[in-house]
């Protein structure tokens, strides 16, 4: 007995003519790659625009020459700072004429005295300082809303 193998046919087993295909597989892959590259380039451009708008935080290097009842703060260098504010226990100090705000230029100086007998171009901070528990700090400010504490000094208890 000679039997033919049976085959199942679903619909037409003939291939469609090549003219009726929508897109060849090679073209589909090429289009997919081009669309993906365009999408990646768009995201990268948007990301670079956002990142380039971020500025560096303000910074400064402050040197202190401290005595028993006074201190001299000197700006060694600063970057991205519009001004440097001097604070004692978190409160900005000024004497009404702008003293208490350091110019961010290298070499700028402010003298603080807590002896109660300040004179000349010295800022009297005797009412603000409690030796042994007060903290003098300098904050670098980059307008409008970026500030960083760049220096801290704990006022020691006076020696007898």
Protein backbone atom coordinates (compact mmCIF):
# COMPACT_ATOMS: atom_id res chain seq x y z
CA UNK A 1 0.00 0.00 0.00
CA UNK A 2 1.28 3.27 -1.11
CA UNK A 3 -0.10 6.18 0.87
CA UNK A 4 0.51 9.84 0.29
CA UNK A 5 1.43 11.88 3.32
CA UNK A 6 -1.41 14.11 4.37
CA UNK A 7 -0.93 17.86 4.64
CA UNK A 8 -3.09 20.41 6.32
CA UNK A 9 -3.81 23.59 4.44
CA UNK A 10 -5.22 26.68 6.10
CA UNK A 11 -6.52 29.01 3.51
CA UNK A 12 -4.45 29.51 0.43
CA UNK A 13 -1.01 27.99 0.56
CA UNK A 14 0.19 30.19 -2.27
CA UNK A 15 2.55 33.06 -1.39
CA UNK A 16 1.39 36.55 -2.13
CA UNK A 17 3.09 38.32 -4.97
CA UNK A 18 5.95 40.59 -3.85
CA UNK A 19 4.11 43.74 -5.02
CA UNK A 20 1.44 43.40 -2.34
CA UNK A 21 3.82 43.46 0.69
CA UNK A 22 3.68 46.73 2.62
CA UNK A 23 7.37 47.11 3.62
CA UNK A 24 10.30 44.79 3.14
CA UNK A 25 11.91 43.52 6.37
CA UNK A 26 15.17 45.32 5.58
CA UNK A 27 13.38 48.66 5.18
CA UNK A 28 11.39 48.07 8.39
CA UNK A 29 14.58 47.51 10.39
CA UNK A 30 16.20 50.60 8.85
CA UNK A 31 13.14 52.72 9.70
CA UNK A 32 13.09 51.40 13.26
CA UNK A 33 16.78 52.29 13.73
CA UNK A 34 16.26 55.81 12.31
CA UNK A 35 13.25 56.46 14.55
CA UNK A 36 15.17 55.21 17.62
CA UNK A 37 18.21 57.38 16.81
CA UNK A 38 15.97 60.42 16.36
CA UNK A 39 14.30 59.76 19.70
CA UNK A 40 17.67 59.38 21.47
CA UNK A 41 19.01 62.58 19.88
CA UNK A 42 15.93 64.51 21.02
CA UNK A 43 16.29 63.29 24.60
CA UNK A 44 20.01 64.08 24.62
CA UNK A 45 19.42 67.62 23.35
CA UNK A 46 16.75 68.25 25.97
CA UNK A 47 18.97 66.79 28.71
CA UNK A 48 21.93 68.94 27.72
CA UNK A 49 19.75 72.04 27.80
CA UNK A 50 18.58 71.26 31.32
CA UNK A 51 22.05 70.34 32.62
CA UNK A 52 23.74 73.42 31.15
CA UNK A 53 21.27 75.61 33.08
CA UNK A 54 22.55 74.29 36.44
CA UNK A 55 25.12 76.58 38.02
CA UNK A 56 27.88 75.69 40.43
CA UNK A 57 27.19 76.47 44.09
CA UNK A 58 28.93 79.45 45.67
CA UNK A 59 32.19 78.77 47.49
CA UNK A 60 34.81 80.69 49.47
CA UNK A 61 37.96 80.12 51.47
CA UNK A 62 38.11 82.21 54.66
CA UNK A 63 41.14 82.65 56.93
CA UNK A 64 40.75 83.72 60.56
CA UNK A 65 43.20 85.48 62.85
CA UNK A 66 41.55 85.11 66.25
CA UNK A 67 42.52 86.65 69.56
CA UNK A 68 40.93 86.32 72.99
CA UNK A 69 38.30 88.99 72.35
CA UNK A 70 38.42 89.64 68.60
CA UNK A 71 38.75 88.02 65.22
CA UNK A 72 39.80 89.14 61.79
CA UNK A 73 38.23 87.28 58.86
CA UNK A 74 40.01 87.48 55.50
CA UNK A 75 38.66 86.23 52.16
CA UNK A 76 41.37 84.13 50.52
CA UNK A 77 39.28 83.29 47.42
CA UNK A 78 35.65 82.97 46.39
CA UNK A 79 33.73 81.70 43.38
CA UNK A 80 30.13 82.13 42.23
CA UNK A 81 29.34 84.27 45.31
CA UNK A 82 27.53 87.60 45.07
CA UNK A 83 28.26 88.32 48.73
CA UNK A 84 29.54 86.72 51.92
CA UNK A 85 27.38 87.14 55.03
CA UNK A 86 28.88 86.95 58.51
CA UNK A 87 26.58 85.29 61.05
CA UNK A 88 26.81 84.84 64.79
CA UNK A 89 24.69 81.98 66.09
CA UNK A 90 22.73 82.02 62.83
CA UNK A 91 21.90 85.75 62.85
CA UNK A 92 23.44 88.13 60.31
CA UNK A 93 25.44 90.91 61.90
CA UNK A 94 25.61 94.45 60.54
CA UNK A 95 26.13 97.86 62.04
CA UNK A 96 23.86 99.63 59.57
CA UNK A 97 26.63 100.68 57.22
CA UNK A 98 27.07 97.31 55.56
CA UNK A 99 29.67 95.98 57.95
CA UNK A 100 28.98 92.33 58.51
CA UNK A 101 28.79 91.61 54.82
CA UNK A 102 32.13 90.62 53.33
CA UNK A 103 33.00 91.55 49.79
CA UNK A 104 33.69 88.26 47.93
CA UNK A 105 36.90 89.73 46.47
CA UNK A 106 40.12 88.06 47.66
CA UNK A 107 41.75 90.12 50.40
CA UNK A 108 38.51 91.57 51.78
CA UNK A 109 38.56 91.79 55.57
CA UNK A 110 36.15 92.22 58.45
CA UNK A 111 37.19 92.71 62.07
CA UNK A 112 34.92 91.53 64.88
CA UNK A 113 35.35 92.50 68.55
CA UNK A 114 33.43 91.09 71.52
CA UNK A 115 35.38 92.84 74.31
CA UNK A 116 32.91 95.73 74.52
CA UNK A 117 35.54 98.32 73.58
CA UNK A 118 35.53 98.17 69.77
CA UNK A 119 36.71 101.26 67.92
CA UNK A 120 37.52 102.32 64.39
CA UNK A 121 36.58 100.00 61.53
CA UNK A 122 35.76 97.13 63.85
CA UNK A 123 32.28 95.63 64.19
CA UNK A 124 31.27 95.47 67.86
CA UNK A 125 29.62 92.09 68.43
CA UNK A 126 29.86 92.08 72.23
CA UNK A 127 26.07 91.83 72.55
CA UNK A 128 25.96 88.86 70.15
CA UNK A 129 28.87 86.72 71.35
CA UNK A 130 28.83 84.38 74.32
CA UNK A 131 32.40 83.00 74.61
CA UNK A 132 32.39 79.23 74.77
CA UNK A 133 29.03 78.78 73.09
CA UNK A 134 28.79 81.21 70.15
CA UNK A 135 29.50 80.21 66.58
CA UNK A 136 30.76 82.66 63.95
CA UNK A 137 30.02 81.49 60.43
CA UNK A 138 30.30 82.87 56.91
CA UNK A 139 27.70 82.06 54.28
CA UNK A 140 28.45 82.44 50.55
CA UNK A 141 25.34 83.72 48.73
CA UNK A 142 24.65 83.43 45.01
CA UNK A 143 21.46 85.36 44.22
CA UNK A 144 18.59 84.71 44.10
CA UNK A 145 18.36 81.66 46.36
CA UNK A 146 21.58 79.67 46.53
CA UNK A 147 23.65 79.85 49.73
CA UNK A 148 26.26 77.64 51.39
CA UNK A 149 28.00 77.90 54.76
CA UNK A 150 31.71 78.05 53.90
CA UNK A 151 33.29 78.83 57.28
CA UNK A 152 32.56 78.19 60.98
CA UNK A 153 34.47 79.20 64.12
CA UNK A 154 33.46 78.49 67.69
CA UNK A 155 34.34 81.42 69.95
CA UNK A 156 36.50 80.02 72.77
CA UNK A 157 36.11 80.87 76.41
CA UNK A 158 38.44 83.81 77.22
CA UNK A 159 41.66 82.93 79.04
CA UNK A 160 42.34 84.60 82.38
